[in-house]
Each structure stands twice: as C-alpha cells, then as structure tokens.
Protein backbone atom coordinates (compact mmCIF):
# COMPACT_ATOMS: atom_id res chain seq x y z
CA UNK A 1 0.07 0.39 0.02
CA UNK A 2 1.23 3.43 -0.86
CA UNK A 3 1.09 6.86 1.09
CA UNK A 4 -1.86 7.60 -0.64
CA UNK A 5 -4.02 4.94 -0.85
CA UNK A 6 -5.91 4.17 2.75
CA UNK A 7 -7.10 6.09 5.84
CA UNK A 8 -3.89 6.67 8.40
CA UNK A 9 -1.62 5.09 5.80
CA UNK A 10 2.14 6.90 6.15
CA UNK A 11 1.02 8.64 9.57
CA UNK A 12 3.89 8.97 11.49
CA UNK A 13 3.92 9.22 15.28
CA UNK A 14 6.51 11.35 17.22
CA UNK A 15 9.43 9.35 18.25
CA UNK A 16 10.83 8.54 21.23
CA UNK A 17 13.98 8.30 23.38
CA UNK A 18 14.81 4.25 24.26
CA UNK A 19 17.30 3.22 26.76
CA UNK A 20 18.43 0.13 28.20
CA UNK A 21 21.74 -1.65 30.57
CA UNK A 22 22.98 -4.80 30.85
CA UNK A 23 20.69 -5.66 33.63
CA UNK A 24 17.66 -5.31 31.88
CA UNK A 25 19.47 -7.96 29.10
CA UNK A 26 20.26 -10.02 31.99
CA UNK A 27 16.43 -9.75 33.30
CA UNK A 28 14.83 -10.16 29.90
CA UNK A 29 16.76 -13.28 29.26
CA UNK A 30 16.16 -14.76 32.48
CA UNK A 31 12.06 -14.01 32.11
CA UNK A 32 11.95 -15.69 28.93
CA UNK A 33 13.70 -18.98 29.81
CA UNK A 34 17.09 -18.88 29.00
CA UNK A 35 19.53 -21.93 31.04
CA UNK A 36 22.46 -22.74 32.39
CA UNK A 37 25.14 -23.53 31.20
CA UNK A 38 24.80 -23.11 27.64
CA UNK A 39 23.40 -19.76 27.53
CA UNK A 40 25.49 -18.01 30.03
CA UNK A 41 26.01 -15.38 27.16
CA UNK A 42 22.53 -14.26 27.94
CA UNK A 43 22.57 -14.58 31.72
CA UNK A 44 26.01 -13.36 33.03
CA UNK A 45 27.59 -10.11 31.92
CA UNK A 46 30.94 -11.08 32.16
CA UNK A 47 30.57 -13.70 29.65
CA UNK A 48 33.39 -13.03 27.17
CA UNK A 49 30.31 -13.41 24.24
CA UNK A 50 27.76 -11.44 26.57
CA UNK A 51 24.93 -10.60 23.87
CA UNK A 52 21.35 -9.23 24.04
CA UNK A 53 18.57 -11.88 23.05
CA UNK A 54 18.06 -10.93 19.73
CA UNK A 55 14.47 -10.74 20.20
CA UNK A 56 15.07 -7.74 23.02
CA UNK A 57 13.84 -4.64 20.96
CA UNK A 58 9.92 -5.58 20.77
CA UNK A 59 9.91 -4.66 24.36
CA UNK A 60 11.56 -1.10 24.23
CA UNK A 61 8.26 0.62 22.86
CA UNK A 62 6.72 -0.23 26.45
CA UNK A 63 9.77 0.67 28.07
CA UNK A 64 10.73 3.80 26.80
CA UNK A 65 13.82 4.97 29.14
CA UNK A 66 12.24 3.73 32.31
CA UNK A 67 14.34 2.45 35.17
CA UNK A 68 10.60 1.75 37.35
CA UNK A 69 7.39 0.84 36.68
CA UNK A 70 4.71 3.29 35.10
CA UNK A 71 1.08 3.81 34.29
CA UNK A 72 0.57 1.73 31.61
CA UNK A 73 -2.47 2.63 30.93
CA UNK A 74 -1.73 6.38 31.12
CA UNK A 75 1.51 5.54 28.71
CA UNK A 76 -0.85 3.44 26.05
CA UNK A 77 -3.78 6.39 25.32
CA UNK A 78 -2.31 6.33 21.83
CA UNK A 79 -2.25 9.53 19.28
CA UNK A 80 -5.29 9.59 17.30
CA UNK A 81 -4.39 8.72 13.06
CA UNK A 82 -5.79 11.58 10.85
CA UNK A 83 -8.47 10.09 9.09
CA UNK A 84 -9.50 7.36 11.30
CA UNK A 85 -12.04 7.03 14.43
CA UNK A 86 -10.21 7.72 17.80
CA UNK A 87 -10.12 3.91 19.33
CA UNK A 88 -10.26 2.83 22.99
CA UNK A 89 -6.67 1.45 23.87
CA UNK A 90 -8.15 -0.37 26.63
CA UNK A 91 -9.46 -2.78 24.61
CA UNK A 92 -6.81 -3.64 22.17
CA UNK A 93 -4.95 -7.19 21.33
CA UNK A 94 -2.14 -7.74 19.77
CA UNK A 95 -2.48 -9.32 16.32
CA UNK A 96 0.44 -10.12 15.08
CA UNK A 97 4.03 -9.67 15.42
CA UNK A 98 7.14 -9.80 12.79
CA UNK A 99 10.91 -8.49 13.84
CA UNK A 100 13.63 -8.12 11.68
CA UNK A 101 17.34 -8.06 12.73
CA UNK A 102 19.51 -6.01 10.55
CA UNK A 103 22.31 -4.67 13.25
CA UNK A 104 23.84 -6.57 16.19
CA UNK A 105 22.33 -4.67 19.54
CA UNK A 106 24.82 -3.30 21.63
CA UNK A 107 24.88 -4.72 25.21
CA UNK A 108 23.64 -1.36 26.58
CA UNK A 109 22.68 2.23 25.30
CA UNK A 110 24.66 3.95 27.08
CA UNK A 111 26.69 7.11 25.65
CA UNK A 112 24.40 7.00 22.56
CA UNK A 113 20.75 8.18 21.76
CA UNK A 114 18.20 5.27 20.39
CA UNK A 115 14.90 6.22 19.43
CA UNK A 116 12.00 4.22 18.38
CA UNK A 117 10.51 5.54 14.79
CA UNK A 118 6.68 4.48 14.29
CA UNK A 119 4.31 4.98 11.44
CA UNK A 120 0.84 3.42 10.17
CA UNK A 121 1.16 1.02 7.33
CA UNK A 122 -2.59 0.19 7.29
CA UNK A 123 -5.91 0.79 9.03
CA UNK A 124 -8.18 -2.03 8.22
CA UNK A 125 -11.87 -1.92 8.90
CA UNK A 126 -13.18 -5.90 9.82
CA UNK A 127 -16.63 -4.74 11.02
CA UNK A 128 -18.34 -5.76 13.80
CA UNK A 129 -15.47 -7.50 15.04
CA UNK A 130 -13.11 -4.93 15.40
CA UNK A 131 -10.14 -2.78 13.54
CA UNK A 132 -6.77 -3.73 12.78
CA UNK A 133 -4.10 -1.27 13.24
CA UNK A 134 -0.99 -2.01 11.43
CA UNK A 135 2.41 -0.29 12.50
CA UNK A 136 6.21 -0.50 11.45
CA UNK A 137 8.45 0.54 14.47
CA UNK A 138 12.61 0.44 13.82
CA UNK A 139 14.92 1.24 16.56
CA UNK A 140 17.09 3.91 15.31
CA UNK A 141 20.70 5.02 16.51
CA UNK A 142 19.60 8.84 16.19
CA UNK A 143 23.59 10.31 15.49
CA UNK A 144 24.00 7.59 12.48
CA UNK A 145 20.32 7.42 11.47
CA UNK A 146 21.18 2.95 11.79
CA UNK A 147 17.92 0.76 12.06
CA UNK A 148 18.78 -1.73 14.02
CA UNK A 149 15.60 -3.64 14.27
CA UNK A 150 11.88 -3.42 12.24
CA UNK A 151 9.23 -4.79 13.82
CA UNK A 152 5.89 -4.41 11.71
CA UNK A 153 2.80 -4.95 14.69
CA UNK A 154 -0.83 -5.22 14.46
CA UNK A 155 -3.23 -4.01 17.04
CA UNK A 156 -6.69 -5.46 16.92
CA UNK A 157 -9.35 -3.24 18.56
CA UNK A 158 -11.98 -5.09 19.68
CA UNK A 159 -15.34 -3.96 18.66
CA UNK A 160 -14.69 -1.11 17.65
CA UNK A 161 -14.93 -1.65 13.30
CA UNK A 162 -17.99 -0.64 11.07
CA UNK A 163 -16.53 3.39 10.42
CA UNK A 164 -16.51 2.62 6.89
CA UNK A 165 -12.33 1.72 6.01
CA UNK A 166 -11.02 -0.34 3.90
CA UNK A 167 -10.90 -3.96 4.67
CA UNK A 168 -7.02 -4.86 4.45
CA UNK A 169 -4.99 -7.02 2.21
CA UNK A 170 -5.69 -10.88 2.80
CA UNK A 171 -3.04 -12.00 5.23
CA UNK A 172 -0.10 -14.36 4.50
CA UNK A 173 -0.48 -17.84 6.47
CA UNK A 174 2.56 -19.58 6.75
CA UNK A 175 0.94 -23.18 8.60
CA UNK A 176 3.40 -26.13 9.01
CA UNK A 177 3.87 -28.66 6.71
CA UNK A 178 0.55 -31.25 6.47
CA UNK A 179 0.81 -34.56 7.99
CA UNK A 180 4.67 -34.50 9.36
CA UNK A 181 5.59 -34.79 12.49
CA UNK A 182 7.57 -31.27 13.97
CA UNK A 183 11.08 -31.88 13.34
CA UNK A 184 11.79 -30.64 17.43
CA UNK A 185 9.10 -29.98 20.12
CA UNK A 186 10.18 -28.27 23.64
CA UNK A 187 7.89 -27.32 26.42
CA UNK A 188 8.01 -24.50 28.99
CA UNK A 189 5.98 -24.85 32.47
CA UNK A 190 4.52 -21.32 33.21
CA UNK A 191 3.45 -20.62 36.77
CA UNK A 192 1.33 -18.31 38.54
CA UNK A 193 3.91 -15.76 38.97
CA UNK A 194 5.22 -16.41 35.08
CA UNK A 195 3.49 -12.85 34.19
CA UNK A 196 4.77 -11.01 37.03
CA UNK A 197 8.57 -11.81 36.57
CA UNK A 198 8.31 -11.20 32.28
CA UNK A 199 6.17 -7.43 33.11
CA UNK A 200 9.41 -6.04 35.16
CA UNK A 201 10.77 -5.91 31.17
CA UNK A 202 8.53 -2.96 31.14
CA UNK A 203 5.26 -3.85 29.99
CA UNK A 204 3.06 -3.36 32.71
CA UNK A 205 -0.38 -4.07 31.85
CA UNK A 206 -2.39 -4.55 34.93
CA UNK A 207 -4.29 -7.47 32.63
CA UNK A 208 -1.01 -9.22 33.49
CA UNK A 209 -1.02 -8.90 37.24
CA UNK A 210 -4.28 -8.20 38.73
CA UNK A 211 -7.53 -9.83 38.30
CA UNK A 212 -10.04 -7.31 37.50
CA UNK A 213 -9.14 -6.25 34.14
CA UNK A 214 -9.19 -10.10 33.01
CA UNK A 215 -12.58 -10.73 34.54
CA UNK A 216 -14.03 -7.71 32.69
CA UNK A 217 -12.33 -9.37 29.43
CA UNK A 218 -14.05 -12.38 30.00
CA UNK A 219 -10.65 -14.25 30.75
CA UNK A 220 -11.81 -15.51 34.43
CA UNK A 221 -8.79 -13.49 35.78
CA UNK A 222 -4.85 -12.50 34.83
CA UNK A 223 -3.79 -13.61 31.51
CA UNK A 224 0.24 -13.84 30.37
CA UNK A 225 1.24 -11.65 27.77
CA UNK A 226 1.33 -12.60 24.42
CA UNK A 227 4.59 -11.72 23.80
CA UNK A 228 5.94 -14.00 26.73
CA UNK A 229 4.85 -16.75 24.53
CA UNK A 230 6.52 -15.06 21.55
CA UNK A 231 9.67 -14.41 23.18
CA UNK A 232 9.97 -18.01 24.78
CA UNK A 233 9.18 -19.88 21.08
CA UNK A 234 11.70 -17.39 19.43
CA UNK A 235 14.16 -18.63 22.48
CA UNK A 236 12.97 -22.39 21.95
CA UNK A 237 13.92 -21.79 18.10
CA UNK A 238 17.29 -19.98 18.00
CA UNK A 239 18.28 -22.56 21.27
CA UNK A 240 17.15 -25.57 18.96
CA UNK A 241 18.30 -25.33 15.68
CA UNK A 242 21.37 -21.94 16.24
CA UNK A 243 23.21 -23.12 18.80
CA UNK A 244 21.29 -20.01 20.56
CA UNK A 245 23.99 -17.73 18.78
CA UNK A 246 22.08 -14.39 18.28
CA UNK A 247 23.29 -13.71 14.53
CA UNK A 248 21.55 -16.94 13.85
CA UNK A 249 18.16 -15.56 14.29
CA UNK A 250 17.39 -13.12 11.22
CA UNK A 251 13.36 -13.11 11.08
CA UNK A 252 10.59 -14.25 13.50
CA UNK A 253 7.11 -13.55 13.28
CA UNK A 254 3.78 -15.24 14.80
CA UNK A 255 0.60 -14.57 15.29
CA UNK A 256 -1.77 -14.28 18.79
CA UNK A 257 -4.00 -17.15 18.64
CA UNK A 258 -5.55 -17.39 22.12
CA UNK A 259 -4.62 -15.85 25.21
CA UNK A 260 -2.77 -18.15 28.02
CA UNK A 261 -3.90 -18.78 31.69
CA UNK A 262 -1.25 -18.57 34.29
CA UNK A 263 0.19 -21.95 35.03
CA UNK A 264 -0.60 -23.89 31.63
CA UNK A 265 2.45 -25.77 30.29
CA UNK A 266 3.46 -24.58 26.41
CA UNK A 267 4.21 -26.99 24.01
CA UNK A 268 6.59 -25.19 20.89
CA UNK A 269 6.46 -27.56 17.93
CA UNK A 270 8.87 -26.40 15.34
CA UNK A 271 9.39 -27.57 11.73
CA UNK A 272 12.19 -27.40 9.44
CA UNK A 273 11.07 -26.75 5.73
CA UNK A 274 14.46 -26.83 3.93
CA UNK A 275 13.16 -23.57 2.30
CA UNK A 276 16.52 -21.47 1.94
CA UNK A 277 16.22 -17.36 2.76
CA UNK A 278 19.32 -15.67 1.90
CA UNK A 279 22.85 -16.79 2.18
CA UNK A 280 23.30 -19.69 4.72
CA UNK A 281 19.96 -19.26 6.37
CA UNK A 282 16.24 -21.79 6.25
CA UNK A 283 12.91 -21.32 7.50
CA UNK A 284 11.42 -22.75 9.95
CA UNK A 285 7.71 -22.93 11.01
CA UNK A 286 6.47 -23.20 14.46
CA UNK A 287 3.38 -23.53 16.54
CA UNK A 288 2.97 -22.85 20.15
CA UNK A 289 -0.47 -24.78 21.94
CA UNK A 290 -1.37 -25.31 25.12
CA UNK A 291 -0.61 -28.66 26.15
CA UNK A 292 -3.75 -30.55 26.02
CA UNK A 293 -5.47 -27.35 24.68
CA UNK A 294 -5.76 -24.66 21.94
CA UNK A 295 -3.32 -23.37 19.51
CA UNK A 296 -1.86 -19.78 21.53
CA UNK A 297 0.54 -18.73 18.30
CA UNK A 298 -0.52 -19.66 14.97
CA UNK A 299 1.42 -18.45 11.89
CA UNK A 300 4.89 -18.87 13.14
CA UNK A 301 8.18 -17.94 11.04
CA UNK A 302 11.70 -17.97 11.44
CA UNK A 303 14.14 -17.64 9.37
CA UNK A 304 17.49 -19.38 11.21
CA UNK A 305 21.24 -20.22 10.09
CA UNK A 306 20.76 -24.10 11.76
CA UNK A 307 24.10 -25.33 13.21
CA UNK A 308 24.39 -28.67 14.59
CA UNK A 309 22.59 -31.90 14.61
CA UNK A 310 18.85 -31.28 15.11
CA UNK A 311 17.38 -33.68 16.68
CA UNK A 312 13.60 -34.85 16.87
CA UNK A 313 12.18 -34.39 20.50
CA UNK A 314 8.93 -36.55 20.28
C-alpha cells in the first residue's frame, strides 16, 4: 500500500527515546527461559560473548527510558491517527508481530541516543469484530540514522469496526507442513508468577498482574503477556536450531491466537522446511499450544541459520 492509499497510511507518530542497560538484558533472558550453562552468554554480563537475546527490542516501545514502573494505561492512550476514528486502547489485543534483525544490538544504550520511529502501514475495518491497525516500529541510532531492528505489528481494536474503512489485504499464512511430525518440540511450564516476572521488562499492563481487568474482559482473571509466549518461542527456536547464537536469528513472527492462563504448560512444535532464505539461512515454521488445549501462537515463521544436528524430541 502506498502512502496515498487508505486512511492513516504513512502517518508518523512522534519518535521517542529508548534506553537499556546490561541488567535489563539479564532480566529479559531470565524471564523468557534462557538456560544455564549453554546460554550463559545471555545470563552473565562478564561472559566473553555476552549479548542481548535478539528479540529484546520488542520490549522497548513499552519500556521507553524507564528504570521504574509506569502507569500503563496513561502511557498507552494512543495518539489519534488522522482520517480514522479514535480507538479505545483499553480494548486492544495483539494481532501479529514480526521482527527483522538488521544490526547486532549493543549490550547497553549508554553513551548513545536510540529512538523508536513508528508509522502506520494500514488501518483495516473488519466490520463488527473490530479494526486492525498495522504499524512499523524501527529502532534507530539517532546520531547515525542506522536501523537496528524493524518490527511490524498489528493491534486489534475489539468491537471498534464498521466505520467504513478499507477491509485490508488478505493475510499471508505460514502453516506447518501438513501431515508431518515436528522436527523438534520443547515445553515451557508457566507458573502463577510467570507474567509477574516478565512484566518487569517494561510491559506493565495490569491485565497480566491483577484479576480485575481479565475478569471484565471474560478471561476469568489475569492472563500471560502474548509477547511472553512469542519470546519464549523465539528462544526455543534459537536454542534448538541456532546453537543459541544471536546472529543465527534473522526474522521472527507469529500471530496471537488465544490467551494463556498462568500455570499451563506450553508446547512449541517446530518444523524445518528446507526453504532457503538468503545466504545460509532457512525457514522454520512453528506453532505454540497449551498442552492438551488450544493453539496460542499460529502462523509462526522464523528465518534461522541451522547449526549442528537437530534431534527430534517427540
């Protein structure tokens, strides 16, 4: 879609500064399940190969430069997009997230100025169910103008459709290979405290901490951040196929299919497709599901440099 097509398309939000330190990276790696001893380079700041887990930038639009907790609702009261209705941000769900890694992230932002630059890619009216707003967020070094990561996300504003906007393009699906056992599977046992640890990365939505918002929204209580499941799937893929080397993950994406109740066991099923993407990388598809229950993340696709012998864990 070009900037001339569709309401709101090309609208740029004000850029904002973001910052992180080594402690932030250690917390993030801990909260998404990095393991000792093979992933000490994500968990110990004096490790010779200490590095951020590659998906860390996904948290920065929530964190900004904060060192302390913030009022999530006040922060997320989004700036209106010209040409479309003003949507209520208390009733928005994550639709889909994709991130591309363009440059290795430094282990701290200290001494440099980084900012998030965001723009609208499309606003799609899905009728009664709601409206989808698709945005691009780039992590940029302000001094050099270089982009470190590019994320594309869609927010689904529940029940806020029917305003006469475009329906939007058909979504591209990445289903796992039909009738094929996963190349590998991993399990993540969540606890009642999983979201309470993960939120310390900077995503302080009360929905993930206290029962009231989740009861109001029909979930029965708190739910775990969709991005927790998303990041743990990225961890599972990099650990399984890429020997936990950050440079071995090029792209990662998934669609949020259903909420996760604290305490469930999540299973990430992963398939090598053999589909080559660029120099030495290949496409891996994945699905995350609750053990004995619903699919949590669908449309999972990662571009990975596969290293070593991947054994199927059945």
